[in-house]
Every structure is written in structure tokens, then in C-alpha cells.
Amino acid sequence: MKYDVFYCKSWFRMKKVAIELWSEAIARSKHLSGDSYTALIASEVKPTCFIEFLIDKEMVGVSFLDDSLREYLSYQFQFVAPEKLFLTMATHREFIEGGTQVAGGTTYIFSQTGDLVIRRERFNPHLLEEAKSSFDPSRNYESFPAFGEYSSLIRTDR
């Protein structure tokens, strides 16, 4: 899968803009030194998703955006070993028709032991449901990507 990648310090969710666009050289140096940076996929102004490399927090976040730049799906990966990530959380959001307000969503919390917690929340009226289950954790492991090689992280089919 080929895609354009743009780099910045971070993605400002409220204003839906990139903060401090960077050259590939600056982003590569951040990647190699273990500093935080954000990769925007497909566009610097209307990305399909963005990846937040928060190395100091030992996590990588992936957020998928719809045509209105609303964050409808997000993944949170934690470092579990050097160069090894584990998908610990996935959240799917639904929005009020035609707006930016979240109507509700479902969060999946994964453990390396195979335990799964599913939380479904609606906001108007407020309703929170929780269920517990198990899953095969082997599919949640990912290698920390080489710079610019983000295909494995930006898969929505998990």
C-alpha cells in the first residue's frame, strides 16, 4: 500500500490542523532519537489518519479521520518490549448526524493475557454498558515500524 506521508509536531484535534509541519529529515531524526512526532497519512491538511509517536510515554496512537476530520476510530499501542508494540485499546465513535458532537462509542480494552473489556457508551441519554470476554492476543502484536513504513499500524481491519 502506497501513501503520502507528512510530518509535524502534533495534530490539534479541536482545530483539525497540523501543528508545526516538519520536513522528512527532521521527522526522521526524531524517530531515530526516540523523540515524539506525528505522521499524517495522505495529506497535511486533510489526512485520512495520523500516527502519534509518543515514545517518552511508551505508546503509539493511531487515529482515523472521516471526511469531516472527525476521529471515528483510534488505536492505542503500548511498548511491551524494545521494538515491540501491543494494541491495548481501540475506540470507535459515532457522531450526531451532521455535527461534530460524539453521540456514543465503543471501546475495546485488550490485555496480553487474552482478557477483553468492551465498554459501550451513549451520551443522550447517558448509558454505559460493560462486558468482559476473551480473545486471541497474538493478532494485537506489532513490530515498531521503521521510519516511513506505517502500513501495519494504519490497518483498520483488526
C-alpha atoms as a PDB file:
ATOM      1  CA  MET A   1       0.000   0.000   0.000  1.00  0.00           C
ATOM      2  CA  LYS A   2       1.491   3.323  -1.089  1.00  0.00           C
ATOM      3  CA  TYR A   3       0.517   6.541   0.631  1.00  0.00           C
ATOM      4  CA  ASP A   4       1.892  10.030   1.051  1.00  0.00           C
ATOM      5  CA  VAL A   5       3.261  10.887   4.494  1.00  0.00           C
ATOM      6  CA  PHE A   6       3.648  14.340   6.006  1.00  0.00           C
ATOM      7  CA  TYR A   7       5.207  15.137   9.370  1.00  0.00           C
ATOM      8  CA  CYS A   8       4.517  17.545  12.182  1.00  0.00           C
ATOM      9  CA  LYS A   9       4.922  18.076  15.889  1.00  0.00           C
ATOM     10  CA  SER A  10       1.284  17.119  16.594  1.00  0.00           C
ATOM     11  CA  TRP A  11      -2.292  17.165  15.310  1.00  0.00           C
ATOM     12  CA  PHE A  12      -4.556  19.709  17.023  1.00  0.00           C
ATOM     13  CA  ARG A  13      -7.818  17.788  17.329  1.00  0.00           C
ATOM     14  CA  MET A  14     -10.089  20.735  18.203  1.00  0.00           C
ATOM     15  CA  LYS A  15      -8.968  22.916  15.295  1.00  0.00           C
ATOM     16  CA  LYS A  16      -8.249  19.948  12.993  1.00  0.00           C
ATOM     17  CA  VAL A  17      -4.862  21.231  11.890  1.00  0.00           C
ATOM     18  CA  ALA A  18      -1.244  20.133  11.995  1.00  0.00           C
ATOM     19  CA  ILE A  19       0.975  21.944  14.474  1.00  0.00           C
ATOM     20  CA  GLU A  20       4.443  22.844  13.231  1.00  0.00           C
ATOM     21  CA  LEU A  21       4.894  20.985   9.933  1.00  0.00           C
ATOM     22  CA  TRP A  22       8.305  19.330   9.633  1.00  0.00           C
ATOM     23  CA  SER A  23      10.476  18.103   6.823  1.00  0.00           C
ATOM     24  CA  GLU A  24      11.057  14.387   6.419  1.00  0.00           C
ATOM     25  CA  ALA A  25      14.651  14.898   7.618  1.00  0.00           C
ATOM     26  CA  ILE A  26      13.538  16.448  10.919  1.00  0.00           C
ATOM     27  CA  ALA A  27      10.930  13.723  11.482  1.00  0.00           C
ATOM     28  CA  ARG A  28      13.470  11.002  10.672  1.00  0.00           C
ATOM     29  CA  SER A  29      15.879  12.433  13.259  1.00  0.00           C
ATOM     30  CA  LYS A  30      13.035  12.455  15.834  1.00  0.00           C
ATOM     31  CA  HIS A  31      12.218   8.838  15.001  1.00  0.00           C
ATOM     32  CA  LEU A  32      15.834   7.698  15.266  1.00  0.00           C
ATOM     33  CA  SER A  33      16.435   9.559  18.537  1.00  0.00           C
ATOM     34  CA  GLY A  34      13.199   8.320  20.136  1.00  0.00           C
ATOM     35  CA  ASP A  35      11.574  11.754  20.290  1.00  0.00           C
ATOM     36  CA  SER A  36       7.860  12.325  19.763  1.00  0.00           C
ATOM     37  CA  TYR A  37       6.448  13.265  16.362  1.00  0.00           C
ATOM     38  CA  THR A  38       3.279  12.824  14.308  1.00  0.00           C
ATOM     39  CA  ALA A  39       2.904  11.314  10.839  1.00  0.00           C
ATOM     40  CA  LEU A  40      -0.047  12.478   8.736  1.00  0.00           C
ATOM     41  CA  ILE A  41      -1.217   9.997   6.114  1.00  0.00           C
ATOM     42  CA  ALA A  42      -2.363  11.121   2.631  1.00  0.00           C
ATOM     43  CA  SER A  43      -2.455  14.902   3.245  1.00  0.00           C
ATOM     44  CA  GLU A  44      -1.053  17.599   5.512  1.00  0.00           C
ATOM     45  CA  VAL A  45      -4.423  19.396   5.676  1.00  0.00           C
ATOM     46  CA  LYS A  46      -6.961  16.567   5.268  1.00  0.00           C
ATOM     47  CA  PRO A  47      -5.280  13.348   6.394  1.00  0.00           C
ATOM     48  CA  THR A  48      -7.101  10.022   6.367  1.00  0.00           C
ATOM     49  CA  CYS A  49      -5.343   9.196   9.624  1.00  0.00           C
ATOM     50  CA  PHE A  50      -2.443  10.276  11.777  1.00  0.00           C
ATOM     51  CA  ILE A  51       0.051   8.409  13.926  1.00  0.00           C
ATOM     52  CA  GLU A  52       1.329   9.911  17.156  1.00  0.00           C
ATOM     53  CA  PHE A  53       4.692   8.516  18.197  1.00  0.00           C
ATOM     54  CA  LEU A  54       4.824   9.311  21.918  1.00  0.00           C
ATOM     55  CA  ILE A  55       7.986   7.404  22.683  1.00  0.00           C
ATOM     56  CA  ASP A  56       8.576   9.047  26.077  1.00  0.00           C
ATOM     57  CA  LYS A  57       5.126   7.764  27.140  1.00  0.00           C
ATOM     58  CA  GLU A  58       5.902   4.339  25.638  1.00  0.00           C
ATOM     59  CA  MET A  59       2.918   4.492  23.322  1.00  0.00           C
ATOM     60  CA  VAL A  60       1.863   4.957  19.729  1.00  0.00           C
ATOM     61  CA  GLY A  61      -1.595   6.269  18.883  1.00  0.00           C
ATOM     62  CA  VAL A  62      -3.324   5.898  15.535  1.00  0.00           C
ATOM     63  CA  SER A  63      -6.394   7.999  14.761  1.00  0.00           C
ATOM     64  CA  PHE A  64      -8.570   7.543  11.674  1.00  0.00           C
ATOM     65  CA  LEU A  65     -10.463  10.576  10.345  1.00  0.00           C
ATOM     66  CA  ASP A  66     -13.630  10.824   8.297  1.00  0.00           C
ATOM     67  CA  ASP A  67     -14.268  13.392   5.539  1.00  0.00           C
ATOM     68  CA  SER A  68     -15.118  15.991   8.198  1.00  0.00           C
ATOM     69  CA  LEU A  69     -11.816  15.271  10.006  1.00  0.00           C
ATOM     70  CA  ARG A  70     -13.677  13.702  12.946  1.00  0.00           C
ATOM     71  CA  GLU A  71     -11.785  10.990  14.795  1.00  0.00           C
ATOM     72  CA  TYR A  72     -14.060   7.983  14.264  1.00  0.00           C
ATOM     73  CA  LEU A  73     -11.593   5.215  15.133  1.00  0.00           C
ATOM     74  CA  SER A  74      -8.487   5.215  17.304  1.00  0.00           C
ATOM     75  CA  TYR A  75      -5.931   2.632  18.357  1.00  0.00           C
ATOM     76  CA  GLN A  76      -3.548   2.805  21.282  1.00  0.00           C
ATOM     77  CA  PHE A  77      -0.408   0.686  21.203  1.00  0.00           C
ATOM     78  CA  GLN A  78       1.923   0.291  24.176  1.00  0.00           C
ATOM     79  CA  PHE A  79       5.556  -0.777  24.065  1.00  0.00           C
ATOM     80  CA  VAL A  80       5.822  -4.225  25.641  1.00  0.00           C
ATOM     81  CA  ALA A  81       9.454  -4.847  24.675  1.00  0.00           C
ATOM     82  CA  PRO A  82      12.069  -2.953  22.693  1.00  0.00           C
ATOM     83  CA  GLU A  83      10.748  -2.571  19.137  1.00  0.00           C
ATOM     84  CA  LYS A  84       7.513  -4.450  20.035  1.00  0.00           C
ATOM     85  CA  LEU A  85       4.043  -2.925  20.360  1.00  0.00           C
ATOM     86  CA  PHE A  86       0.772  -4.354  21.671  1.00  0.00           C
ATOM     87  CA  LEU A  87      -2.661  -2.954  20.777  1.00  0.00           C
ATOM     88  CA  THR A  88      -4.173  -2.235  24.210  1.00  0.00           C
ATOM     89  CA  MET A  89      -7.213  -0.193  23.207  1.00  0.00           C
ATOM     90  CA  ALA A  90      -9.438   0.503  20.210  1.00  0.00           C
ATOM     91  CA  THR A  91     -12.264   3.052  20.246  1.00  0.00           C
ATOM     92  CA  HIS A  92     -14.974   3.507  17.629  1.00  0.00           C
ATOM     93  CA  ARG A  93     -17.011   6.732  17.821  1.00  0.00           C
ATOM     94  CA  GLU A  94     -20.375   7.655  16.335  1.00  0.00           C
ATOM     95  CA  PHE A  95     -21.369  11.271  15.752  1.00  0.00           C
ATOM     96  CA  ILE A  96     -24.612  13.178  15.827  1.00  0.00           C
ATOM     97  CA  GLU A  97     -25.799  13.485  12.221  1.00  0.00           C
ATOM     98  CA  GLY A  98     -24.200  16.469  10.513  1.00  0.00           C
ATOM     99  CA  GLY A  99     -22.251  17.591  13.571  1.00  0.00           C
ATOM    100  CA  THR A 100     -19.003  17.131  15.401  1.00  0.00           C
ATOM    101  CA  GLN A 101     -20.533  16.073  18.724  1.00  0.00           C
ATOM    102  CA  VAL A 102     -19.955  12.442  19.706  1.00  0.00           C
ATOM    103  CA  ALA A 103     -23.236  10.542  20.143  1.00  0.00           C
ATOM    104  CA  GLY A 104     -21.528   7.476  21.602  1.00  0.00           C
ATOM    105  CA  GLY A 105     -18.901   4.881  21.086  1.00  0.00           C
ATOM    106  CA  THR A 106     -17.469   1.509  21.885  1.00  0.00           C
ATOM    107  CA  THR A 107     -14.069   0.939  23.478  1.00  0.00           C
ATOM    108  CA  TYR A 108     -12.240  -2.388  23.469  1.00  0.00           C
ATOM    109  CA  ILE A 109      -9.539  -2.827  26.106  1.00  0.00           C
ATOM    110  CA  PHE A 110      -7.153  -5.690  25.375  1.00  0.00           C
ATOM    111  CA  SER A 111      -4.678  -7.400  27.700  1.00  0.00           C
ATOM    112  CA  GLN A 112      -1.735  -9.538  26.711  1.00  0.00           C
ATOM    113  CA  THR A 113      -3.271 -12.419  28.693  1.00  0.00           C
ATOM    114  CA  GLY A 114      -6.307 -12.504  26.389  1.00  0.00           C
ATOM    115  CA  ASP A 115      -8.765 -10.658  28.619  1.00  0.00           C
ATOM    116  CA  LEU A 116     -11.071  -8.226  26.846  1.00  0.00           C
ATOM    117  CA  VAL A 117     -13.298  -5.488  28.274  1.00  0.00           C
ATOM    118  CA  ILE A 118     -15.905  -3.903  25.983  1.00  0.00           C
ATOM    119  CA  ARG A 119     -17.449  -0.584  27.024  1.00  0.00           C
ATOM    120  CA  ARG A 120     -20.344   0.864  25.066  1.00  0.00           C
ATOM    121  CA  GLU A 121     -21.374   4.402  25.930  1.00  0.00           C
ATOM    122  CA  ARG A 122     -24.192   6.635  24.684  1.00  0.00           C
ATOM    123  CA  PHE A 123     -24.437  10.275  25.749  1.00  0.00           C
ATOM    124  CA  ASN A 124     -28.035  11.470  25.271  1.00  0.00           C
ATOM    125  CA  PRO A 125     -29.450   9.965  27.373  1.00  0.00           C
ATOM    126  CA  HIS A 126     -26.335   8.681  29.103  1.00  0.00           C
ATOM    127  CA  LEU A 127     -25.940   4.898  29.097  1.00  0.00           C
ATOM    128  CA  LEU A 128     -22.838   2.859  29.907  1.00  0.00           C
ATOM    129  CA  GLU A 129     -22.664  -0.882  29.355  1.00  0.00           C
ATOM    130  CA  GLU A 130     -19.681  -3.130  30.019  1.00  0.00           C
ATOM    131  CA  ALA A 131     -18.985  -6.712  29.054  1.00  0.00           C
ATOM    132  CA  LYS A 132     -15.994  -8.983  29.551  1.00  0.00           C
ATOM    133  CA  SER A 133     -14.734 -11.633  27.214  1.00  0.00           C
ATOM    134  CA  SER A 134     -11.538 -13.216  25.957  1.00  0.00           C
ATOM    135  CA  PHE A 135      -9.660 -13.103  22.659  1.00  0.00           C
ATOM    136  CA  ASP A 136      -6.515 -14.377  20.969  1.00  0.00           C
ATOM    137  CA  PRO A 137      -3.888 -11.712  21.787  1.00  0.00           C
ATOM    138  CA  SER A 138      -1.419 -12.884  19.117  1.00  0.00           C
ATOM    139  CA  ARG A 139      -3.025 -10.593  16.476  1.00  0.00           C
ATOM    140  CA  ASN A 140      -2.505  -7.495  18.653  1.00  0.00           C
ATOM    141  CA  TYR A 141       1.300  -7.511  18.472  1.00  0.00           C
ATOM    142  CA  GLU A 142       3.094  -5.257  16.004  1.00  0.00           C
ATOM    143  CA  SER A 143       6.739  -4.503  15.409  1.00  0.00           C
ATOM    144  CA  PHE A 144       7.732  -0.897  15.932  1.00  0.00           C
ATOM    145  CA  PRO A 145       7.903   0.388  12.352  1.00  0.00           C
ATOM    146  CA  ALA A 146      10.925   1.618  10.502  1.00  0.00           C
ATOM    147  CA  PHE A 147      10.683   5.309   9.685  1.00  0.00           C
ATOM    148  CA  GLY A 148       8.045   5.897   6.985  1.00  0.00           C
ATOM    149  CA  GLU A 149       6.859   2.266   6.979  1.00  0.00           C
ATOM    150  CA  TYR A 150       3.473   2.624   8.686  1.00  0.00           C
ATOM    151  CA  SER A 151       1.242   0.179   6.747  1.00  0.00           C
ATOM    152  CA  SER A 152       0.933  -2.283   9.617  1.00  0.00           C
ATOM    153  CA  LEU A 153      -0.199   0.424  12.046  1.00  0.00           C
ATOM    154  CA  ILE A 154      -2.809   2.050   9.802  1.00  0.00           C
ATOM    155  CA  ARG A 155      -4.826  -1.079   9.067  1.00  0.00           C
ATOM    156  CA  THR A 156      -8.471  -0.709  10.074  1.00  0.00           C
ATOM    157  CA  ASP A 157      -9.194  -4.434   9.717  1.00  0.00           C
ATOM    158  CA  ARG A 158      -8.150  -5.637  13.164  1.00  0.00           C
END
